[in-house]
Amino acid sequence: MTPKEIAAYYNARIFDSIEAAENSGFIITETFEPRNVWNKMSAAHTIVNKLKQRKDETSEIGLVLTPKSISGCYLPKQSE
């Protein structure tokens, strides 16, 4: 699966820059700079799995996909 397919499978939003994610209210978590296609897929899976573990504090998750890096991001839940 490509990183975009992984994001679609987990209902994660896709951003093309960290600035776009931050402007939408998302908090950036970790960033990987994979060297090849296989490592990009692995990085995307790792990031999404870590974000899914934070389900109590997130209302939405996302991936920032740039040509040289993949970052995770999440939208925090609003406190009532």
PDB file of N, CA and C in Angstrom:
ATOM      1  N   MET A   1       0.840  -1.180   0.000  1.00  0.00           N
ATOM      2  CA  MET A   1       0.000   0.000   0.000  1.00  0.00           C
ATOM      3  C   MET A   1       0.890   1.250   0.000  1.00  0.00           C
ATOM      4  N   THR A   2       0.469   2.234  -0.724  1.00  0.00           N
ATOM      5  CA  THR A   2       1.183   3.503  -0.717  1.00  0.00           C
ATOM      6  C   THR A   2       0.785   4.286   0.536  1.00  0.00           C
ATOM      7  N   PRO A   3       1.558   5.309   0.909  1.00  0.00           N
ATOM      8  CA  PRO A   3       1.164   6.119   2.064  1.00  0.00           C
ATOM      9  C   PRO A   3      -0.240   6.732   1.914  1.00  0.00           C
ATOM     10  N   LYS A   4      -0.621   7.111   0.696  1.00  0.00           N
ATOM     11  CA  LYS A   4      -1.972   7.664   0.488  1.00  0.00           C
ATOM     12  C   LYS A   4      -3.037   6.595   0.708  1.00  0.00           C
ATOM     13  N   GLU A   5      -2.774   5.379   0.280  1.00  0.00           N
ATOM     14  CA  GLU A   5      -3.721   4.288   0.490  1.00  0.00           C
ATOM     15  C   GLU A   5      -3.819   3.936   1.975  1.00  0.00           C
ATOM     16  N   ILE A   6      -2.704   3.992   2.678  1.00  0.00           N
ATOM     17  CA  ILE A   6      -2.700   3.740   4.116  1.00  0.00           C
ATOM     18  C   ILE A   6      -3.535   4.802   4.823  1.00  0.00           C
ATOM     19  N   ALA A   7      -3.353   6.057   4.438  1.00  0.00           N
ATOM     20  CA  ALA A   7      -4.138   7.147   5.031  1.00  0.00           C
ATOM     21  C   ALA A   7      -5.632   6.945   4.760  1.00  0.00           C
ATOM     22  N   ALA A   8      -5.981   6.581   3.542  1.00  0.00           N
ATOM     23  CA  ALA A   8      -7.384   6.352   3.201  1.00  0.00           C
ATOM     24  C   ALA A   8      -7.969   5.194   4.008  1.00  0.00           C
ATOM     25  N   TYR A   9      -7.202   4.127   4.178  1.00  0.00           N
ATOM     26  CA  TYR A   9      -7.666   2.969   4.925  1.00  0.00           C
ATOM     27  C   TYR A   9      -7.997   3.327   6.372  1.00  0.00           C
ATOM     28  N   TYR A  10      -7.187   4.179   6.977  1.00  0.00           N
ATOM     29  CA  TYR A  10      -7.386   4.571   8.369  1.00  0.00           C
ATOM     30  C   TYR A  10      -8.154   5.888   8.524  1.00  0.00           C
ATOM     31  N   ASN A  11      -8.744   6.384   7.451  1.00  0.00           N
ATOM     32  CA  ASN A  11      -9.498   7.641   7.467  1.00  0.00           C
ATOM     33  C   ASN A  11      -8.662   8.807   7.993  1.00  0.00           C
ATOM     34  N   ALA A  12      -7.410   8.843   7.603  1.00  0.00           N
ATOM     35  CA  ALA A  12      -6.511   9.922   8.015  1.00  0.00           C
ATOM     36  C   ALA A  12      -6.499  10.994   6.934  1.00  0.00           C
ATOM     37  N   ARG A  13      -6.474  12.228   7.353  1.00  0.00           N
ATOM     38  CA  ARG A  13      -6.365  13.323   6.394  1.00  0.00           C
ATOM     39  C   ARG A  13      -4.956  13.382   5.834  1.00  0.00           C
ATOM     40  N   ILE A  14      -4.849  13.867   4.623  1.00  0.00           N
ATOM     41  CA  ILE A  14      -3.552  13.994   3.965  1.00  0.00           C
ATOM     42  C   ILE A  14      -3.264  15.464   3.740  1.00  0.00           C
ATOM     43  N   PHE A  15      -2.058  15.865   4.118  1.00  0.00           N
ATOM     44  CA  PHE A  15      -1.600  17.236   3.896  1.00  0.00           C
ATOM     45  C   PHE A  15      -0.331  17.198   3.069  1.00  0.00           C
ATOM     46  N   ASP A  16      -0.088  18.268   2.318  1.00  0.00           N
ATOM     47  CA  ASP A  16       1.122  18.320   1.498  1.00  0.00           C
ATOM     48  C   ASP A  16       2.230  19.136   2.135  1.00  0.00           C
ATOM     49  N   SER A  17       1.965  19.738   3.293  1.00  0.00           N
ATOM     50  CA  SER A  17       3.005  20.474   4.011  1.00  0.00           C
ATOM     51  C   SER A  17       2.651  20.538   5.497  1.00  0.00           C
ATOM     52  N   ILE A  18       3.670  20.683   6.305  1.00  0.00           N
ATOM     53  CA  ILE A  18       3.455  20.807   7.750  1.00  0.00           C
ATOM     54  C   ILE A  18       2.664  22.070   8.055  1.00  0.00           C
ATOM     55  N   GLU A  19       2.936  23.129   7.318  1.00  0.00           N
ATOM     56  CA  GLU A  19       2.222  24.385   7.528  1.00  0.00           C
ATOM     57  C   GLU A  19       0.723  24.228   7.275  1.00  0.00           C
ATOM     58  N   ALA A  20       0.355  23.479   6.241  1.00  0.00           N
ATOM     59  CA  ALA A  20      -1.061  23.256   5.939  1.00  0.00           C
ATOM     60  C   ALA A  20      -1.745  22.506   7.083  1.00  0.00           C
ATOM     61  N   ALA A  21      -1.062  21.521   7.641  1.00  0.00           N
ATOM     62  CA  ALA A  21      -1.627  20.768   8.763  1.00  0.00           C
ATOM     63  C   ALA A  21      -1.781  21.665   9.988  1.00  0.00           C
ATOM     64  N   GLU A  22      -0.755  22.431  10.297  1.00  0.00           N
ATOM     65  CA  GLU A  22      -0.818  23.318  11.466  1.00  0.00           C
ATOM     66  C   GLU A  22      -1.877  24.395  11.288  1.00  0.00           C
ATOM     67  N   ASN A  23      -2.044  24.903  10.087  1.00  0.00           N
ATOM     68  CA  ASN A  23      -3.078  25.908   9.826  1.00  0.00           C
ATOM     69  C   ASN A  23      -4.482  25.338   9.978  1.00  0.00           C
ATOM     70  N   SER A  24      -4.618  24.020   9.852  1.00  0.00           N
ATOM     71  CA  SER A  24      -5.912  23.365  10.041  1.00  0.00           C
ATOM     72  C   SER A  24      -6.132  22.949  11.497  1.00  0.00           C
ATOM     73  N   GLY A  25      -5.197  23.295  12.373  1.00  0.00           N
ATOM     74  CA  GLY A  25      -5.337  22.999  13.795  1.00  0.00           C
ATOM     75  C   GLY A  25      -4.722  21.690  14.238  1.00  0.00           C
ATOM     76  N   PHE A  26      -4.014  21.014  13.351  1.00  0.00           N
ATOM     77  CA  PHE A  26      -3.402  19.735  13.678  1.00  0.00           C
ATOM     78  C   PHE A  26      -2.068  19.947  14.387  1.00  0.00           C
ATOM     79  N   ILE A  27      -1.743  19.026  15.274  1.00  0.00           N
ATOM     80  CA  ILE A  27      -0.473  19.040  15.992  1.00  0.00           C
ATOM     81  C   ILE A  27       0.423  17.992  15.350  1.00  0.00           C
ATOM     82  N   ILE A  28       1.636  18.370  15.009  1.00  0.00           N
ATOM     83  CA  ILE A  28       2.586  17.474  14.357  1.00  0.00           C
ATOM     84  C   ILE A  28       3.242  16.586  15.420  1.00  0.00           C
ATOM     85  N   THR A  29       3.346  15.294  15.111  1.00  0.00           N
ATOM     86  CA  THR A  29       4.002  14.373  16.051  1.00  0.00           C
ATOM     87  C   THR A  29       5.408  14.094  15.565  1.00  0.00           C
ATOM     88  N   GLU A  30       5.636  12.963  14.957  1.00  0.00           N
ATOM     89  CA  GLU A  30       6.990  12.618  14.533  1.00  0.00           C
ATOM     90  C   GLU A  30       7.131  12.680  13.018  1.00  0.00           C
ATOM     91  N   THR A  31       8.372  12.842  12.590  1.00  0.00           N
ATOM     92  CA  THR A  31       8.678  12.919  11.166  1.00  0.00           C
ATOM     93  C   THR A  31       9.758  11.912  10.820  1.00  0.00           C
ATOM     94  N   PHE A  32       9.546  11.207   9.726  1.00  0.00           N
ATOM     95  CA  PHE A  32      10.536  10.275   9.194  1.00  0.00           C
ATOM     96  C   PHE A  32      10.974  10.766   7.821  1.00  0.00           C
ATOM     97  N   GLU A  33      12.227  10.528   7.494  1.00  0.00           N
ATOM     98  CA  GLU A  33      12.757  10.847   6.170  1.00  0.00           C
ATOM     99  C   GLU A  33      13.221   9.555   5.508  1.00  0.00           C
ATOM    100  N   PRO A  34      12.263   8.766   5.006  1.00  0.00           N
ATOM    101  CA  PRO A  34      12.620   7.474   4.413  1.00  0.00           C
ATOM    102  C   PRO A  34      13.419   7.623   3.125  1.00  0.00           C
ATOM    103  N   ARG A  35      14.251   6.640   2.846  1.00  0.00           N
ATOM    104  CA  ARG A  35      15.139   6.697   1.684  1.00  0.00           C
ATOM    105  C   ARG A  35      14.541   6.078   0.434  1.00  0.00           C
ATOM    106  N   ASN A  36      13.550   5.210   0.584  1.00  0.00           N
ATOM    107  CA  ASN A  36      12.969   4.577  -0.598  1.00  0.00           C
ATOM    108  C   ASN A  36      11.487   4.306  -0.388  1.00  0.00           C
ATOM    109  N   VAL A  37      10.838   3.760  -1.409  1.00  0.00           N
ATOM    110  CA  VAL A  37       9.399   3.536  -1.376  1.00  0.00           C
ATOM    111  C   VAL A  37       9.000   2.579  -0.260  1.00  0.00           C
ATOM    112  N   TRP A  38       9.763   1.503  -0.069  1.00  0.00           N
ATOM    113  CA  TRP A  38       9.423   0.544   0.974  1.00  0.00           C
ATOM    114  C   TRP A  38       9.488   1.180   2.354  1.00  0.00           C
ATOM    115  N   ASN A  39      10.493   2.003   2.564  1.00  0.00           N
ATOM    116  CA  ASN A  39      10.612   2.666   3.859  1.00  0.00           C
ATOM    117  C   ASN A  39       9.494   3.688   4.064  1.00  0.00           C
ATOM    118  N   LYS A  40       9.000   4.316   2.992  1.00  0.00           N
ATOM    119  CA  LYS A  40       7.875   5.251   3.116  1.00  0.00           C
ATOM    120  C   LYS A  40       6.628   4.516   3.593  1.00  0.00           C
ATOM    121  N   MET A  41       6.381   3.344   3.037  1.00  0.00           N
ATOM    122  CA  MET A  41       5.218   2.565   3.457  1.00  0.00           C
ATOM    123  C   MET A  41       5.343   2.151   4.916  1.00  0.00           C
ATOM    124  N   SER A  42       6.512   1.724   5.306  1.00  0.00           N
ATOM    125  CA  SER A  42       6.754   1.317   6.681  1.00  0.00           C
ATOM    126  C   SER A  42       6.600   2.497   7.640  1.00  0.00           C
ATOM    127  N   ALA A  43       7.129   3.640   7.258  1.00  0.00           N
ATOM    128  CA  ALA A  43       7.019   4.840   8.094  1.00  0.00           C
ATOM    129  C   ALA A  43       5.556   5.252   8.250  1.00  0.00           C
ATOM    130  N   ALA A  44       4.799   5.206   7.165  1.00  0.00           N
ATOM    131  CA  ALA A  44       3.384   5.572   7.229  1.00  0.00           C
ATOM    132  C   ALA A  44       2.632   4.639   8.165  1.00  0.00           C
ATOM    133  N   HIS A  45       2.875   3.336   8.076  1.00  0.00           N
ATOM    134  CA  HIS A  45       2.226   2.374   8.974  1.00  0.00           C
ATOM    135  C   HIS A  45       2.596   2.648  10.427  1.00  0.00           C
ATOM    136  N   THR A  46       3.858   2.890  10.682  1.00  0.00           N
ATOM    137  CA  THR A  46       4.317   3.147  12.047  1.00  0.00           C
ATOM    138  C   THR A  46       3.646   4.387  12.627  1.00  0.00           C
ATOM    139  N   ILE A  47       3.618   5.446  11.852  1.00  0.00           N
ATOM    140  CA  ILE A  47       3.019   6.700  12.330  1.00  0.00           C
ATOM    141  C   ILE A  47       1.530   6.526  12.600  1.00  0.00           C
ATOM    142  N   VAL A  48       0.813   5.922  11.666  1.00  0.00           N
ATOM    143  CA  VAL A  48      -0.636   5.749  11.833  1.00  0.00           C
ATOM    144  C   VAL A  48      -0.932   4.872  13.046  1.00  0.00           C
ATOM    145  N   ASN A  49      -0.181   3.802  13.233  1.00  0.00           N
ATOM    146  CA  ASN A  49      -0.416   2.936  14.388  1.00  0.00           C
ATOM    147  C   ASN A  49      -0.194   3.683  15.702  1.00  0.00           C
ATOM    148  N   LYS A  50       0.823   4.513  15.773  1.00  0.00           N
ATOM    149  CA  LYS A  50       1.060   5.300  16.992  1.00  0.00           C
ATOM    150  C   LYS A  50      -0.052   6.315  17.214  1.00  0.00           C
ATOM    151  N   LEU A  51      -0.542   6.913  16.134  1.00  0.00           N
ATOM    152  CA  LEU A  51      -1.637   7.879  16.262  1.00  0.00           C
ATOM    153  C   LEU A  51      -2.926   7.191  16.700  1.00  0.00           C
ATOM    154  N   LYS A  52      -3.175   5.994  16.207  1.00  0.00           N
ATOM    155  CA  LYS A  52      -4.384   5.259  16.597  1.00  0.00           C
ATOM    156  C   LYS A  52      -4.351   4.897  18.082  1.00  0.00           C
ATOM    157  N   GLN A  53      -3.168   4.718  18.646  1.00  0.00           N
ATOM    158  CA  GLN A  53      -3.050   4.422  20.072  1.00  0.00           C
ATOM    159  C   GLN A  53      -3.421   5.629  20.936  1.00  0.00           C
ATOM    160  N   ARG A  54      -3.408   6.820  20.338  1.00  0.00           N
ATOM    161  CA  ARG A  54      -3.751   8.038  21.074  1.00  0.00           C
ATOM    162  C   ARG A  54      -5.220   8.392  20.911  1.00  0.00           C
ATOM    163  N   LYS A  55      -6.079   7.414  20.643  1.00  0.00           N
ATOM    164  CA  LYS A  55      -7.474   7.672  20.305  1.00  0.00           C
ATOM    165  C   LYS A  55      -8.229   8.466  21.365  1.00  0.00           C
ATOM    166  N   ASP A  56      -7.805   8.399  22.619  1.00  0.00           N
ATOM    167  CA  ASP A  56      -8.493   9.134  23.677  1.00  0.00           C
ATOM    168  C   ASP A  56      -8.256  10.639  23.603  1.00  0.00           C
ATOM    169  N   GLU A  57      -7.177  11.060  22.963  1.00  0.00           N
ATOM    170  CA  GLU A  57      -6.855  12.485  22.902  1.00  0.00           C
ATOM    171  C   GLU A  57      -6.979  13.084  21.507  1.00  0.00           C
ATOM    172  N   THR A  58      -7.371  12.267  20.520  1.00  0.00           N
ATOM    173  CA  THR A  58      -7.466  12.773  19.150  1.00  0.00           C
ATOM    174  C   THR A  58      -8.888  12.688  18.623  1.00  0.00           C
ATOM    175  N   SER A  59      -9.268  13.671  17.845  1.00  0.00           N
ATOM    176  CA  SER A  59     -10.559  13.599  17.169  1.00  0.00           C
ATOM    177  C   SER A  59     -10.373  13.229  15.705  1.00  0.00           C
ATOM    178  N   GLU A  60      -9.174  13.451  15.190  1.00  0.00           N
ATOM    179  CA  GLU A  60      -8.866  13.111  13.808  1.00  0.00           C
ATOM    180  C   GLU A  60      -7.352  12.963  13.670  1.00  0.00           C
ATOM    181  N   ILE A  61      -6.920  12.064  12.787  1.00  0.00           N
ATOM    182  CA  ILE A  61      -5.493  11.890  12.552  1.00  0.00           C
ATOM    183  C   ILE A  61      -5.173  12.240  11.109  1.00  0.00           C
ATOM    184  N   GLY A  62      -3.884  12.465  10.846  1.00  0.00           N
ATOM    185  CA  GLY A  62      -3.491  12.800   9.489  1.00  0.00           C
ATOM    186  C   GLY A  62      -2.034  12.473   9.223  1.00  0.00           C
ATOM    187  N   LEU A  63      -1.690  12.505   7.947  1.00  0.00           N
ATOM    188  CA  LEU A  63      -0.313  12.322   7.504  1.00  0.00           C
ATOM    189  C   LEU A  63       0.081  13.507   6.638  1.00  0.00           C
ATOM    190  N   VAL A  64       1.283  13.997   6.854  1.00  0.00           N
ATOM    191  CA  VAL A  64       1.853  15.033   6.000  1.00  0.00           C
ATOM    192  C   VAL A  64       2.824  14.332   5.063  1.00  0.00           C
ATOM    193  N   LEU A  65       2.485  14.317   3.788  1.00  0.00           N
ATOM    194  CA  LEU A  65       3.285  13.609   2.786  1.00  0.00           C
ATOM    195  C   LEU A  65       3.999  14.611   1.901  1.00  0.00           C
ATOM    196  N   THR A  66       5.307  14.701   2.062  1.00  0.00           N
ATOM    197  CA  THR A  66       6.130  15.548   1.201  1.00  0.00           C
ATOM    198  C   THR A  66       7.058  14.624   0.423  1.00  0.00           C
ATOM    199  N   PRO A  67       7.698  15.122  -0.611  1.00  0.00           N
ATOM    200  CA  PRO A  67       8.594  14.243  -1.381  1.00  0.00           C
ATOM    201  C   PRO A  67       9.725  13.626  -0.558  1.00  0.00           C
ATOM    202  N   LYS A  68      10.166  14.286   0.499  1.00  0.00           N
ATOM    203  CA  LYS A  68      11.310  13.788   1.265  1.00  0.00           C
ATOM    204  C   LYS A  68      10.976  13.294   2.666  1.00  0.00           C
ATOM    205  N   SER A  69       9.727  13.485   3.127  1.00  0.00           N
ATOM    206  CA  SER A  69       9.417  13.083   4.497  1.00  0.00           C
ATOM    207  C   SER A  69       7.942  12.721   4.660  1.00  0.00           C
ATOM    208  N   ILE A  70       7.677  12.037   5.772  1.00  0.00           N
ATOM    209  CA  ILE A  70       6.313  11.703   6.190  1.00  0.00           C
ATOM    210  C   ILE A  70       6.210  12.089   7.658  1.00  0.00           C
ATOM    211  N   SER A  71       5.176  12.846   7.987  1.00  0.00           N
ATOM    212  CA  SER A  71       4.950  13.262   9.370  1.00  0.00           C
ATOM    213  C   SER A  71       3.558  12.845   9.798  1.00  0.00           C
ATOM    214  N   GLY A  72       3.423  12.575  11.067  1.00  0.00           N
ATOM    215  CA  GLY A  72       2.115  12.293  11.632  1.00  0.00           C
ATOM    216  C   GLY A  72       1.550  13.556  12.245  1.00  0.00           C
ATOM    217  N   CYS A  73       0.236  13.630  12.305  1.00  0.00           N
ATOM    218  CA  CYS A  73      -0.399  14.775  12.946  1.00  0.00           C
ATOM    219  C   CYS A  73      -1.773  14.358  13.459  1.00  0.00           C
ATOM    220  N   TYR A  74      -2.273  15.112  14.415  1.00  0.00           N
ATOM    221  CA  TYR A  74      -3.597  14.824  14.933  1.00  0.00           C
ATOM    222  C   TYR A  74      -4.290  16.109  15.345  1.00  0.00           C
ATOM    223  N   LEU A  75      -5.610  16.046  15.328  1.00  0.00           N
ATOM    224  CA  LEU A  75      -6.444  17.140  15.774  1.00  0.00           C
ATOM    225  C   LEU A  75      -6.900  16.792  17.180  1.00  0.00           C
ATOM    226  N   PRO A  76      -6.532  17.593  18.175  1.00  0.00           N
ATOM    227  CA  PRO A  76      -6.897  17.238  19.553  1.00  0.00           C
ATOM    228  C   PRO A  76      -8.403  17.316  19.766  1.00  0.00           C
ATOM    229  N   LYS A  77      -8.894  16.473  20.672  1.00  0.00           N
ATOM    230  CA  LYS A  77     -10.302  16.525  21.030  1.00  0.00           C
ATOM    231  C   LYS A  77     -10.565  17.826  21.779  1.00  0.00           C
ATOM    232  N   GLN A  78     -11.710  18.378  21.519  1.00  0.00           N
ATOM    233  CA  GLN A  78     -12.115  19.598  22.222  1.00  0.00           C
ATOM    234  C   GLN A  78     -12.672  19.221  23.592  1.00  0.00           C
ATOM    235  N   SER A  79     -12.196  19.873  24.625  1.00  0.00           N
ATOM    236  CA  SER A  79     -12.719  19.594  25.971  1.00  0.00           C
ATOM    237  C   SER A  79     -14.081  20.266  26.116  1.00  0.00           C
ATOM    238  N   GLU A  80     -14.956  19.602  26.827  1.00  0.00           N
ATOM    239  CA  GLU A  80     -16.326  20.103  26.981  1.00  0.00           C
ATOM    240  C   GLU A  80     -16.478  21.018  28.150  1.00  0.00           C
TER     241      GLU A  80
END
